[in-house]
Amino acid sequence: MKTIVITGGTGDLGSVVVPRLLCDYRCVVVYRTRESFDKLAAHENLIGAASPDDAAAFAPLDALVNLAGGFGGGASPEDFTRQLDTNLMPFVRAVHALAPHLGDGGRIVAMSSVASQTTPAGIGAYVASKAALNGYIGSLAKELGKRGITVNALLPGSIDTPANRASTPASKLVPAAGIADLIAYLLSDESRHLNGQLLGVTP
């Protein structure tokens, strides 16, 4: 069975994505706290790790799925620092720790946001952090493509989570289950010709 590492897997999106991927993979979920990991339903193919470095112990690895990130408004210098630390640096650290342990032909999938392209007003720091992630995706795809490793990102709008349901009509929310299915596709052999792609996801 193939082994994948998932960062951000204990959040609202992870609670849908992780069970979907457990159908086909051994999943090493990097958690912030052990308590958050324990909220995931126990499964024989589910393993917890306190950091990407710890997750590397389960090499050889077949894929990295980066769900880590978070939304925030504002455009102050502090907002920019916070959003880059939230949306870019966890992925950078995970790639640094895990890419050497990915087998040739592996997969990397990251979560970006359609806001990185539509650039709404009032959330400049968030937009910039996701745009930076997009740029890294493109560069990394060229770098790792030499090993047959594909690197792609999904760019959804607001995702159907408990927090977003309170402020956004259901018709404008992207189903989490749909995102899980797209991630599963990007991890599959059928997606081997997709590399360096920023794929928009609509409701």
N, C-alpha and C. Protein backbone atom coordinates (compact mmCIF):
# COMPACT_ATOMS: atom_id res chain seq x y z
N MET A 1 0.83 -1.19 0.00
CA MET A 1 0.00 0.00 0.00
C MET A 1 0.87 1.25 0.00
N LYS A 2 0.53 2.24 -0.81
CA LYS A 2 1.29 3.48 -0.88
C LYS A 2 1.12 4.30 0.39
N THR A 3 2.15 5.06 0.72
CA THR A 3 2.14 5.89 1.93
C THR A 3 2.18 7.35 1.54
N ILE A 4 1.24 8.13 2.09
CA ILE A 4 1.21 9.57 1.84
C ILE A 4 1.24 10.32 3.16
N VAL A 5 1.80 11.52 3.13
CA VAL A 5 1.82 12.40 4.29
C VAL A 5 0.82 13.52 4.05
N ILE A 6 0.01 13.83 5.07
CA ILE A 6 -1.00 14.88 4.98
C ILE A 6 -0.74 15.91 6.07
N THR A 7 -0.50 17.15 5.68
CA THR A 7 -0.40 18.23 6.66
C THR A 7 -1.74 18.96 6.72
N GLY A 8 -2.10 19.45 7.89
CA GLY A 8 -3.40 20.11 8.04
C GLY A 8 -4.56 19.14 8.03
N GLY A 9 -4.28 17.89 8.24
CA GLY A 9 -5.32 16.87 8.13
C GLY A 9 -6.28 16.79 9.29
N THR A 10 -6.03 17.55 10.36
CA THR A 10 -6.92 17.50 11.52
C THR A 10 -7.94 18.64 11.52
N GLY A 11 -7.95 19.48 10.47
CA GLY A 11 -8.91 20.57 10.39
C GLY A 11 -10.22 20.13 9.76
N ASP A 12 -11.09 21.12 9.49
CA ASP A 12 -12.42 20.81 8.94
C ASP A 12 -12.31 20.12 7.59
N LEU A 13 -11.44 20.61 6.71
CA LEU A 13 -11.28 19.95 5.41
C LEU A 13 -10.65 18.58 5.58
N GLY A 14 -9.67 18.48 6.46
CA GLY A 14 -9.02 17.21 6.70
C GLY A 14 -9.96 16.13 7.19
N SER A 15 -10.98 16.53 7.94
CA SER A 15 -11.94 15.55 8.47
C SER A 15 -12.72 14.87 7.35
N VAL A 16 -12.72 15.46 6.16
CA VAL A 16 -13.36 14.85 4.99
C VAL A 16 -12.33 14.19 4.08
N VAL A 17 -11.19 14.86 3.90
CA VAL A 17 -10.17 14.36 2.97
C VAL A 17 -9.50 13.10 3.51
N VAL A 18 -9.14 13.11 4.78
CA VAL A 18 -8.40 11.96 5.33
C VAL A 18 -9.19 10.66 5.21
N PRO A 19 -10.46 10.60 5.63
CA PRO A 19 -11.21 9.34 5.46
C PRO A 19 -11.31 8.90 4.00
N ARG A 20 -11.41 9.86 3.08
CA ARG A 20 -11.47 9.52 1.66
C ARG A 20 -10.17 8.85 1.20
N LEU A 21 -9.05 9.39 1.62
CA LEU A 21 -7.76 8.85 1.18
C LEU A 21 -7.39 7.55 1.88
N LEU A 22 -7.92 7.35 3.08
CA LEU A 22 -7.64 6.11 3.80
C LEU A 22 -8.18 4.88 3.07
N CYS A 23 -9.08 5.11 2.14
CA CYS A 23 -9.60 3.98 1.36
C CYS A 23 -8.51 3.34 0.51
N ASP A 24 -7.50 4.15 0.13
CA ASP A 24 -6.51 3.68 -0.82
C ASP A 24 -5.06 3.80 -0.37
N TYR A 25 -4.82 4.52 0.74
CA TYR A 25 -3.45 4.81 1.14
C TYR A 25 -3.26 4.64 2.64
N ARG A 26 -2.01 4.39 3.02
CA ARG A 26 -1.61 4.56 4.40
C ARG A 26 -1.32 6.04 4.60
N CYS A 27 -2.03 6.68 5.51
CA CYS A 27 -1.96 8.13 5.69
C CYS A 27 -1.21 8.50 6.97
N VAL A 28 -0.14 9.25 6.82
CA VAL A 28 0.59 9.79 7.95
C VAL A 28 0.16 11.24 8.11
N VAL A 29 -0.61 11.52 9.14
CA VAL A 29 -1.18 12.85 9.34
C VAL A 29 -0.32 13.63 10.33
N VAL A 30 0.21 14.76 9.87
CA VAL A 30 1.00 15.64 10.73
C VAL A 30 0.03 16.51 11.52
N TYR A 31 0.12 16.45 12.83
CA TYR A 31 -0.85 17.17 13.67
C TYR A 31 -0.17 18.27 14.47
N ARG A 32 -1.00 19.26 14.86
CA ARG A 32 -0.52 20.32 15.74
C ARG A 32 -0.51 19.84 17.19
N THR A 33 -1.58 19.17 17.57
CA THR A 33 -1.67 18.61 18.92
C THR A 33 -2.16 17.18 18.81
N ARG A 34 -1.75 16.35 19.75
CA ARG A 34 -2.20 14.96 19.75
C ARG A 34 -3.71 14.89 19.91
N GLU A 35 -4.29 15.83 20.65
CA GLU A 35 -5.73 15.84 20.86
C GLU A 35 -6.47 16.02 19.54
N SER A 36 -5.95 16.90 18.67
CA SER A 36 -6.61 17.12 17.38
C SER A 36 -6.52 15.87 16.51
N PHE A 37 -5.41 15.17 16.58
CA PHE A 37 -5.28 13.93 15.81
C PHE A 37 -6.24 12.86 16.32
N ASP A 38 -6.40 12.78 17.64
CA ASP A 38 -7.24 11.75 18.23
C ASP A 38 -8.71 11.92 17.86
N LYS A 39 -9.10 13.10 17.35
CA LYS A 39 -10.48 13.32 16.94
C LYS A 39 -10.80 12.62 15.62
N LEU A 40 -9.75 12.27 14.86
CA LEU A 40 -9.98 11.51 13.64
C LEU A 40 -10.34 10.07 14.02
N ALA A 41 -11.25 9.51 13.26
CA ALA A 41 -11.68 8.14 13.55
C ALA A 41 -10.51 7.17 13.37
N ALA A 42 -10.33 6.29 14.35
CA ALA A 42 -9.24 5.32 14.30
C ALA A 42 -9.35 4.43 13.06
N HIS A 43 -8.23 4.15 12.45
CA HIS A 43 -8.20 3.32 11.24
C HIS A 43 -6.83 2.65 11.17
N GLU A 44 -6.79 1.43 10.68
CA GLU A 44 -5.52 0.69 10.65
C GLU A 44 -4.47 1.35 9.76
N ASN A 45 -4.92 2.17 8.79
CA ASN A 45 -3.98 2.82 7.88
C ASN A 45 -3.67 4.26 8.28
N LEU A 46 -4.11 4.67 9.48
CA LEU A 46 -3.92 6.04 9.94
C LEU A 46 -2.80 6.11 10.97
N ILE A 47 -1.83 6.99 10.71
CA ILE A 47 -0.68 7.17 11.59
C ILE A 47 -0.53 8.65 11.89
N GLY A 48 -0.15 8.99 13.11
CA GLY A 48 0.08 10.37 13.48
C GLY A 48 1.56 10.70 13.53
N ALA A 49 1.89 11.95 13.23
CA ALA A 49 3.27 12.43 13.33
C ALA A 49 3.23 13.87 13.83
N ALA A 50 4.16 14.21 14.71
CA ALA A 50 4.16 15.54 15.32
C ALA A 50 4.77 16.61 14.42
N SER A 51 5.48 16.22 13.37
CA SER A 51 6.12 17.17 12.47
C SER A 51 6.44 16.49 11.16
N PRO A 52 6.70 17.27 10.09
CA PRO A 52 7.13 16.64 8.83
C PRO A 52 8.40 15.82 9.00
N ASP A 53 9.31 16.29 9.85
CA ASP A 53 10.53 15.51 10.07
C ASP A 53 10.21 14.14 10.65
N ASP A 54 9.24 14.08 11.59
CA ASP A 54 8.83 12.79 12.14
C ASP A 54 8.16 11.93 11.08
N ALA A 55 7.40 12.56 10.20
CA ALA A 55 6.71 11.82 9.15
C ALA A 55 7.71 11.17 8.19
N ALA A 56 8.87 11.79 8.03
CA ALA A 56 9.88 11.23 7.13
C ALA A 56 10.34 9.85 7.57
N ALA A 57 10.12 9.52 8.83
CA ALA A 57 10.52 8.21 9.33
C ALA A 57 9.75 7.07 8.67
N PHE A 58 8.63 7.41 8.01
CA PHE A 58 7.80 6.38 7.38
C PHE A 58 8.14 6.21 5.90
N ALA A 59 9.27 6.79 5.48
CA ALA A 59 9.73 6.64 4.10
C ALA A 59 10.00 5.16 3.79
N PRO A 60 9.89 4.77 2.51
CA PRO A 60 9.70 5.62 1.33
C PRO A 60 8.26 6.13 1.22
N LEU A 61 8.14 7.35 0.75
CA LEU A 61 6.84 8.01 0.64
C LEU A 61 6.42 8.13 -0.82
N ASP A 62 5.11 8.14 -1.01
CA ASP A 62 4.57 8.24 -2.37
C ASP A 62 3.95 9.59 -2.67
N ALA A 63 3.57 10.34 -1.62
CA ALA A 63 2.92 11.63 -1.89
C ALA A 63 2.89 12.50 -0.65
N LEU A 64 2.76 13.80 -0.89
CA LEU A 64 2.52 14.80 0.14
C LEU A 64 1.27 15.57 -0.23
N VAL A 65 0.32 15.64 0.70
CA VAL A 65 -0.89 16.43 0.52
C VAL A 65 -0.87 17.54 1.57
N ASN A 66 -0.82 18.79 1.11
CA ASN A 66 -0.73 19.92 2.04
C ASN A 66 -2.09 20.61 2.16
N LEU A 67 -2.77 20.37 3.29
CA LEU A 67 -4.03 21.04 3.58
C LEU A 67 -3.84 22.19 4.57
N ALA A 68 -2.64 22.33 5.09
CA ALA A 68 -2.37 23.33 6.11
C ALA A 68 -2.58 24.74 5.55
N GLY A 69 -3.19 25.60 6.35
CA GLY A 69 -3.42 26.98 5.93
C GLY A 69 -4.58 27.58 6.69
N GLY A 70 -4.85 28.84 6.42
CA GLY A 70 -5.96 29.50 7.10
C GLY A 70 -6.23 30.86 6.51
N PHE A 71 -7.46 31.30 6.66
CA PHE A 71 -7.89 32.59 6.10
C PHE A 71 -7.73 33.69 7.13
N GLY A 72 -7.40 34.87 6.64
CA GLY A 72 -7.33 36.03 7.52
C GLY A 72 -7.41 37.31 6.70
N GLY A 73 -8.07 38.33 7.23
CA GLY A 73 -8.18 39.61 6.54
C GLY A 73 -7.02 40.52 6.88
N GLY A 74 -7.07 41.72 6.29
CA GLY A 74 -6.09 42.73 6.62
C GLY A 74 -4.92 42.79 5.66
N ALA A 75 -4.14 43.86 5.79
CA ALA A 75 -2.98 44.05 4.92
C ALA A 75 -1.87 44.82 5.63
N SER A 76 -1.82 44.72 6.95
CA SER A 76 -0.73 45.35 7.70
C SER A 76 0.53 44.50 7.58
N PRO A 77 1.69 45.05 7.89
CA PRO A 77 2.90 44.21 7.89
C PRO A 77 2.74 42.97 8.76
N GLU A 78 2.07 43.12 9.90
CA GLU A 78 1.85 41.97 10.78
C GLU A 78 0.94 40.93 10.12
N ASP A 79 -0.06 41.42 9.39
CA ASP A 79 -0.96 40.49 8.68
C ASP A 79 -0.19 39.70 7.63
N PHE A 80 0.71 40.38 6.92
CA PHE A 80 1.50 39.68 5.90
C PHE A 80 2.38 38.61 6.53
N THR A 81 3.03 38.95 7.63
CA THR A 81 3.87 37.96 8.31
C THR A 81 3.04 36.77 8.76
N ARG A 82 1.88 37.06 9.34
CA ARG A 82 1.01 36.00 9.85
C ARG A 82 0.51 35.08 8.73
N GLN A 83 0.08 35.68 7.62
CA GLN A 83 -0.48 34.87 6.54
C GLN A 83 0.60 34.07 5.80
N LEU A 84 1.78 34.63 5.65
CA LEU A 84 2.86 33.86 5.05
C LEU A 84 3.25 32.69 5.95
N ASP A 85 3.25 32.91 7.26
CA ASP A 85 3.55 31.83 8.20
C ASP A 85 2.46 30.77 8.21
N THR A 86 1.24 31.17 7.84
CA THR A 86 0.10 30.24 7.85
C THR A 86 -0.04 29.48 6.55
N ASN A 87 0.14 30.17 5.42
CA ASN A 87 -0.22 29.59 4.13
C ASN A 87 0.94 29.21 3.23
N LEU A 88 2.12 29.73 3.48
CA LEU A 88 3.27 29.38 2.66
C LEU A 88 4.29 28.53 3.40
N MET A 89 4.70 28.99 4.57
CA MET A 89 5.83 28.34 5.24
C MET A 89 5.57 26.90 5.69
N PRO A 90 4.34 26.52 6.11
CA PRO A 90 4.14 25.10 6.44
C PRO A 90 4.40 24.18 5.24
N PHE A 91 4.03 24.65 4.06
CA PHE A 91 4.27 23.86 2.85
C PHE A 91 5.76 23.82 2.53
N VAL A 92 6.43 24.97 2.65
CA VAL A 92 7.88 25.01 2.41
C VAL A 92 8.60 24.04 3.34
N ARG A 93 8.23 24.06 4.61
CA ARG A 93 8.89 23.17 5.58
C ARG A 93 8.61 21.70 5.28
N ALA A 94 7.37 21.42 4.90
CA ALA A 94 7.01 20.03 4.59
C ALA A 94 7.78 19.53 3.37
N VAL A 95 7.87 20.35 2.34
CA VAL A 95 8.61 19.95 1.14
C VAL A 95 10.08 19.74 1.48
N HIS A 96 10.64 20.66 2.26
CA HIS A 96 12.06 20.55 2.62
C HIS A 96 12.33 19.23 3.36
N ALA A 97 11.42 18.84 4.24
CA ALA A 97 11.62 17.63 5.03
C ALA A 97 11.32 16.36 4.25
N LEU A 98 10.35 16.42 3.34
CA LEU A 98 9.81 15.19 2.77
C LEU A 98 10.16 14.93 1.32
N ALA A 99 10.44 15.96 0.54
CA ALA A 99 10.74 15.74 -0.88
C ALA A 99 11.89 14.76 -1.10
N PRO A 100 12.96 14.80 -0.27
CA PRO A 100 14.03 13.82 -0.48
C PRO A 100 13.60 12.37 -0.27
N HIS A 101 12.46 12.19 0.41
CA HIS A 101 11.98 10.83 0.72
C HIS A 101 10.86 10.38 -0.21
N LEU A 102 10.48 11.25 -1.17
CA LEU A 102 9.46 10.88 -2.14
C LEU A 102 10.10 10.04 -3.24
N GLY A 103 9.44 8.94 -3.55
CA GLY A 103 9.93 8.11 -4.63
C GLY A 103 9.71 8.76 -5.98
N ASP A 104 10.51 8.38 -6.97
CA ASP A 104 10.30 8.87 -8.34
C ASP A 104 8.88 8.52 -8.78
N GLY A 105 8.24 9.48 -9.45
CA GLY A 105 6.85 9.28 -9.85
C GLY A 105 5.86 9.62 -8.76
N GLY A 106 6.32 10.27 -7.70
CA GLY A 106 5.43 10.63 -6.60
C GLY A 106 4.53 11.81 -6.92
N ARG A 107 3.78 12.22 -5.91
CA ARG A 107 2.80 13.29 -6.10
C ARG A 107 2.88 14.28 -4.95
N ILE A 108 2.69 15.56 -5.28
CA ILE A 108 2.50 16.60 -4.29
C ILE A 108 1.26 17.39 -4.68
N VAL A 109 0.35 17.55 -3.73
CA VAL A 109 -0.88 18.32 -3.95
C VAL A 109 -1.01 19.34 -2.84
N ALA A 110 -1.26 20.59 -3.20
CA ALA A 110 -1.40 21.65 -2.21
C ALA A 110 -2.73 22.37 -2.38
N MET A 111 -3.18 22.97 -1.29
CA MET A 111 -4.41 23.76 -1.32
C MET A 111 -4.06 25.24 -1.39
N SER A 112 -4.45 25.88 -2.49
CA SER A 112 -4.32 27.32 -2.61
C SER A 112 -5.72 27.92 -2.52
N SER A 113 -5.98 28.99 -3.23
CA SER A 113 -7.29 29.65 -3.17
C SER A 113 -7.53 30.43 -4.45
N VAL A 114 -8.78 30.46 -4.90
CA VAL A 114 -9.13 31.25 -6.07
C VAL A 114 -8.88 32.73 -5.81
N ALA A 115 -8.85 33.13 -4.54
CA ALA A 115 -8.57 34.54 -4.21
C ALA A 115 -7.20 34.97 -4.69
N SER A 116 -6.28 34.02 -4.86
CA SER A 116 -4.95 34.37 -5.37
C SER A 116 -5.01 34.88 -6.80
N GLN A 117 -6.11 34.60 -7.50
CA GLN A 117 -6.28 35.06 -8.88
C GLN A 117 -7.33 36.16 -9.01
N THR A 118 -8.38 36.11 -8.19
CA THR A 118 -9.42 37.13 -8.26
C THR A 118 -9.05 38.37 -7.44
N THR A 119 -8.11 38.26 -6.53
CA THR A 119 -7.55 39.36 -5.72
C THR A 119 -8.59 40.30 -5.13
N PRO A 120 -9.48 39.80 -4.26
CA PRO A 120 -10.48 40.67 -3.64
C PRO A 120 -9.83 41.75 -2.77
N ALA A 121 -10.54 42.86 -2.61
CA ALA A 121 -10.06 43.92 -1.74
C ALA A 121 -10.18 43.51 -0.27
N GLY A 122 -9.31 44.06 0.56
CA GLY A 122 -9.43 43.89 2.00
C GLY A 122 -8.73 42.68 2.58
N ILE A 123 -8.20 41.82 1.73
CA ILE A 123 -7.51 40.62 2.23
C ILE A 123 -6.16 40.47 1.54
N GLY A 124 -5.46 41.58 1.42
CA GLY A 124 -4.21 41.59 0.66
C GLY A 124 -3.18 40.61 1.15
N ALA A 125 -3.07 40.46 2.47
CA ALA A 125 -2.06 39.55 3.02
C ALA A 125 -2.38 38.10 2.66
N TYR A 126 -3.65 37.75 2.77
CA TYR A 126 -4.08 36.38 2.42
C TYR A 126 -3.84 36.13 0.93
N VAL A 127 -4.24 37.08 0.09
CA VAL A 127 -4.06 36.94 -1.36
C VAL A 127 -2.58 36.75 -1.69
N ALA A 128 -1.73 37.57 -1.10
CA ALA A 128 -0.30 37.48 -1.39
C ALA A 128 0.30 36.16 -0.93
N SER A 129 -0.15 35.66 0.22
CA SER A 129 0.39 34.40 0.72
C SER A 129 0.03 33.24 -0.20
N LYS A 130 -1.18 33.25 -0.72
CA LYS A 130 -1.59 32.17 -1.63
C LYS A 130 -0.94 32.34 -3.01
N ALA A 131 -0.75 33.58 -3.44
CA ALA A 131 -0.05 33.81 -4.71
C ALA A 131 1.40 33.33 -4.60
N ALA A 132 2.02 33.56 -3.45
CA ALA A 132 3.39 33.07 -3.24
C ALA A 132 3.42 31.54 -3.29
N LEU A 133 2.41 30.92 -2.71
CA LEU A 133 2.31 29.46 -2.77
C LEU A 133 2.21 28.99 -4.22
N ASN A 134 1.39 29.70 -5.01
CA ASN A 134 1.25 29.33 -6.43
C ASN A 134 2.58 29.39 -7.15
N GLY A 135 3.34 30.45 -6.89
CA GLY A 135 4.63 30.58 -7.54
C GLY A 135 5.58 29.46 -7.17
N TYR A 136 5.55 29.08 -5.90
CA TYR A 136 6.40 27.98 -5.45
C TYR A 136 5.99 26.67 -6.11
N ILE A 137 4.68 26.47 -6.27
CA ILE A 137 4.17 25.27 -6.94
C ILE A 137 4.77 25.15 -8.34
N GLY A 138 4.75 26.25 -9.10
CA GLY A 138 5.28 26.22 -10.46
C GLY A 138 6.76 25.89 -10.50
N SER A 139 7.52 26.53 -9.62
CA SER A 139 8.97 26.28 -9.58
C SER A 139 9.28 24.86 -9.14
N LEU A 140 8.57 24.40 -8.12
CA LEU A 140 8.80 23.06 -7.60
C LEU A 140 8.44 21.99 -8.63
N ALA A 141 7.38 22.25 -9.41
CA ALA A 141 6.99 21.30 -10.44
C ALA A 141 8.11 21.09 -11.45
N LYS A 142 8.79 22.17 -11.82
CA LYS A 142 9.90 22.04 -12.76
C LYS A 142 11.09 21.32 -12.12
N GLU A 143 11.33 21.63 -10.86
CA GLU A 143 12.46 21.02 -10.16
C GLU A 143 12.29 19.52 -9.97
N LEU A 144 11.10 19.13 -9.49
CA LEU A 144 10.86 17.71 -9.18
C LEU A 144 10.37 16.92 -10.37
N GLY A 145 9.95 17.63 -11.41
CA GLY A 145 9.48 16.94 -12.61
C GLY A 145 10.55 16.06 -13.23
N LYS A 146 11.81 16.38 -12.97
CA LYS A 146 12.91 15.56 -13.48
C LYS A 146 12.88 14.15 -12.90
N ARG A 147 12.22 14.02 -11.74
CA ARG A 147 12.09 12.71 -11.11
C ARG A 147 10.71 12.10 -11.36
N GLY A 148 9.94 12.72 -12.22
CA GLY A 148 8.60 12.22 -12.48
C GLY A 148 7.60 12.54 -11.39
N ILE A 149 7.98 13.43 -10.48
CA ILE A 149 7.08 13.84 -9.39
C ILE A 149 6.23 15.01 -9.88
N THR A 150 4.92 14.90 -9.76
CA THR A 150 4.04 15.99 -10.16
C THR A 150 3.69 16.85 -8.95
N VAL A 151 3.54 18.15 -9.21
CA VAL A 151 3.22 19.12 -8.16
C VAL A 151 2.09 20.00 -8.68
N ASN A 152 0.93 19.92 -8.04
CA ASN A 152 -0.24 20.67 -8.48
C ASN A 152 -0.96 21.28 -7.28
N ALA A 153 -1.80 22.27 -7.55
CA ALA A 153 -2.57 22.91 -6.48
C ALA A 153 -4.02 23.06 -6.89
N LEU A 154 -4.89 22.97 -5.91
CA LEU A 154 -6.32 23.25 -6.10
C LEU A 154 -6.61 24.66 -5.60
N LEU A 155 -7.44 25.39 -6.35
CA LEU A 155 -7.78 26.77 -6.01
C LEU A 155 -9.29 26.90 -5.85
N PRO A 156 -9.83 26.47 -4.72
CA PRO A 156 -11.27 26.60 -4.50
C PRO A 156 -11.63 27.99 -3.97
N GLY A 157 -12.94 28.28 -4.03
CA GLY A 157 -13.45 29.42 -3.28
C GLY A 157 -13.73 28.96 -1.86
N SER A 158 -14.71 29.57 -1.22
CA SER A 158 -15.04 29.18 0.16
C SER A 158 -15.51 27.73 0.19
N ILE A 159 -14.94 26.97 1.12
CA ILE A 159 -15.25 25.54 1.23
C ILE A 159 -16.38 25.33 2.22
N ASP A 160 -17.17 24.32 1.99
CA ASP A 160 -18.31 24.01 2.86
C ASP A 160 -17.81 23.43 4.18
N THR A 161 -17.56 24.31 5.13
CA THR A 161 -17.17 23.93 6.49
C THR A 161 -18.13 24.58 7.47
N PRO A 162 -18.19 24.10 8.70
CA PRO A 162 -19.10 24.72 9.68
C PRO A 162 -18.89 26.22 9.81
N ALA A 163 -17.65 26.68 9.80
CA ALA A 163 -17.39 28.11 9.96
C ALA A 163 -17.92 28.92 8.78
N ASN A 164 -17.76 28.40 7.57
CA ASN A 164 -18.19 29.15 6.39
C ASN A 164 -19.69 29.11 6.18
N ARG A 165 -20.35 28.08 6.68
CA ARG A 165 -21.80 28.00 6.51
C ARG A 165 -22.52 29.13 7.21
N ALA A 166 -21.92 29.66 8.24
CA ALA A 166 -22.55 30.73 9.00
C ALA A 166 -22.57 32.06 8.24
N SER A 167 -21.68 32.20 7.24
CA SER A 167 -21.56 33.50 6.57
C SER A 167 -21.74 33.45 5.06
N THR A 168 -21.84 32.25 4.48
CA THR A 168 -21.90 32.12 3.04
C THR A 168 -23.05 31.21 2.63
N PRO A 169 -23.86 31.61 1.63
CA PRO A 169 -24.94 30.74 1.16
C PRO A 169 -24.41 29.39 0.69
N ALA A 170 -25.15 28.36 0.94
CA ALA A 170 -24.71 27.01 0.58
C ALA A 170 -24.39 26.88 -0.90
N SER A 171 -25.12 27.60 -1.75
CA SER A 171 -24.92 27.50 -3.20
C SER A 171 -23.56 28.03 -3.64
N LYS A 172 -22.91 28.80 -2.78
CA LYS A 172 -21.62 29.39 -3.13
C LYS A 172 -20.45 28.68 -2.44
N LEU A 173 -20.73 27.60 -1.75
CA LEU A 173 -19.69 26.86 -1.05
C LEU A 173 -19.24 25.65 -1.86
N VAL A 174 -17.95 25.42 -1.88
CA VAL A 174 -17.38 24.26 -2.58
C VAL A 174 -17.46 23.05 -1.66
N PRO A 175 -18.12 21.96 -2.08
CA PRO A 175 -18.23 20.76 -1.23
C PRO A 175 -16.86 20.18 -0.88
N ALA A 176 -16.66 19.92 0.39
CA ALA A 176 -15.39 19.32 0.82
C ALA A 176 -15.19 17.94 0.21
N ALA A 177 -16.27 17.20 0.02
CA ALA A 177 -16.16 15.87 -0.57
C ALA A 177 -15.65 15.94 -2.00
N GLY A 178 -16.05 16.99 -2.72
CA GLY A 178 -15.57 17.18 -4.08
C GLY A 178 -14.08 17.45 -4.12
N ILE A 179 -13.60 18.24 -3.17
CA ILE A 179 -12.17 18.50 -3.07
C ILE A 179 -11.42 17.21 -2.76
N ALA A 180 -11.97 16.41 -1.87
CA ALA A 180 -11.34 15.13 -1.54
C ALA A 180 -11.22 14.24 -2.77
N ASP A 181 -12.24 14.22 -3.60
CA ASP A 181 -12.20 13.41 -4.82
C ASP A 181 -11.15 13.93 -5.79
N LEU A 182 -11.03 15.26 -5.90
CA LEU A 182 -10.02 15.83 -6.80
C LEU A 182 -8.61 15.53 -6.31
N ILE A 183 -8.41 15.59 -5.00
CA ILE A 183 -7.10 15.24 -4.46
C ILE A 183 -6.79 13.78 -4.77
N ALA A 184 -7.76 12.91 -4.58
CA ALA A 184 -7.56 11.49 -4.89
C ALA A 184 -7.17 11.30 -6.35
N TYR A 185 -7.80 12.07 -7.23
CA TYR A 185 -7.46 11.98 -8.66
C TYR A 185 -6.02 12.44 -8.91
N LEU A 186 -5.63 13.56 -8.29
CA LEU A 186 -4.28 14.08 -8.51
C LEU A 186 -3.20 13.15 -7.94
N LEU A 187 -3.58 12.30 -7.01
CA LEU A 187 -2.65 11.32 -6.47
C LEU A 187 -2.56 10.06 -7.33
N SER A 188 -3.48 9.91 -8.25
CA SER A 188 -3.59 8.66 -9.01
C SER A 188 -2.64 8.63 -10.20
N ASP A 189 -2.47 7.45 -10.77
CA ASP A 189 -1.65 7.29 -11.97
C ASP A 189 -2.26 8.03 -13.15
N GLU A 190 -3.57 8.17 -13.17
CA GLU A 190 -4.25 8.82 -14.29
C GLU A 190 -3.87 10.30 -14.42
N SER A 191 -3.38 10.91 -13.35
CA SER A 191 -3.05 12.34 -13.38
C SER A 191 -1.58 12.59 -13.69
N ARG A 192 -0.85 11.59 -14.13
CA ARG A 192 0.60 11.72 -14.26
C ARG A 192 1.02 12.78 -15.28
N HIS A 193 0.12 13.17 -16.18
CA HIS A 193 0.48 14.18 -17.19
C HIS A 193 0.16 15.60 -16.72
N LEU A 194 -0.40 15.75 -15.54
CA LEU A 194 -0.67 17.08 -14.98
C LEU A 194 0.46 17.47 -14.05
N ASN A 195 1.11 18.58 -14.33
CA ASN A 195 2.21 19.02 -13.49
C ASN A 195 2.30 20.54 -13.53
N GLY A 196 2.46 21.15 -12.35
CA GLY A 196 2.55 22.59 -12.27
C GLY A 196 1.24 23.30 -12.52
N GLN A 197 0.13 22.61 -12.31
CA GLN A 197 -1.18 23.17 -12.63
C GLN A 197 -1.83 23.80 -11.39
N LEU A 198 -2.51 24.93 -11.63
CA LEU A 198 -3.33 25.59 -10.61
C LEU A 198 -4.77 25.40 -11.05
N LEU A 199 -5.46 24.50 -10.39
CA LEU A 199 -6.78 24.04 -10.85
C LEU A 199 -7.89 24.69 -10.03
N GLY A 200 -8.68 25.53 -10.69
CA GLY A 200 -9.81 26.17 -10.01
C GLY A 200 -10.89 25.16 -9.69
N VAL A 201 -11.56 25.38 -8.55
CA VAL A 201 -12.63 24.48 -8.11
C VAL A 201 -13.85 25.34 -7.80
N THR A 202 -14.95 25.10 -8.49
CA THR A 202 -16.16 25.89 -8.31
C THR A 202 -17.22 25.09 -7.57
N PRO A 203 -18.20 25.79 -6.95
CA PRO A 203 -19.28 25.09 -6.22
C PRO A 203 -20.07 24.16 -7.14
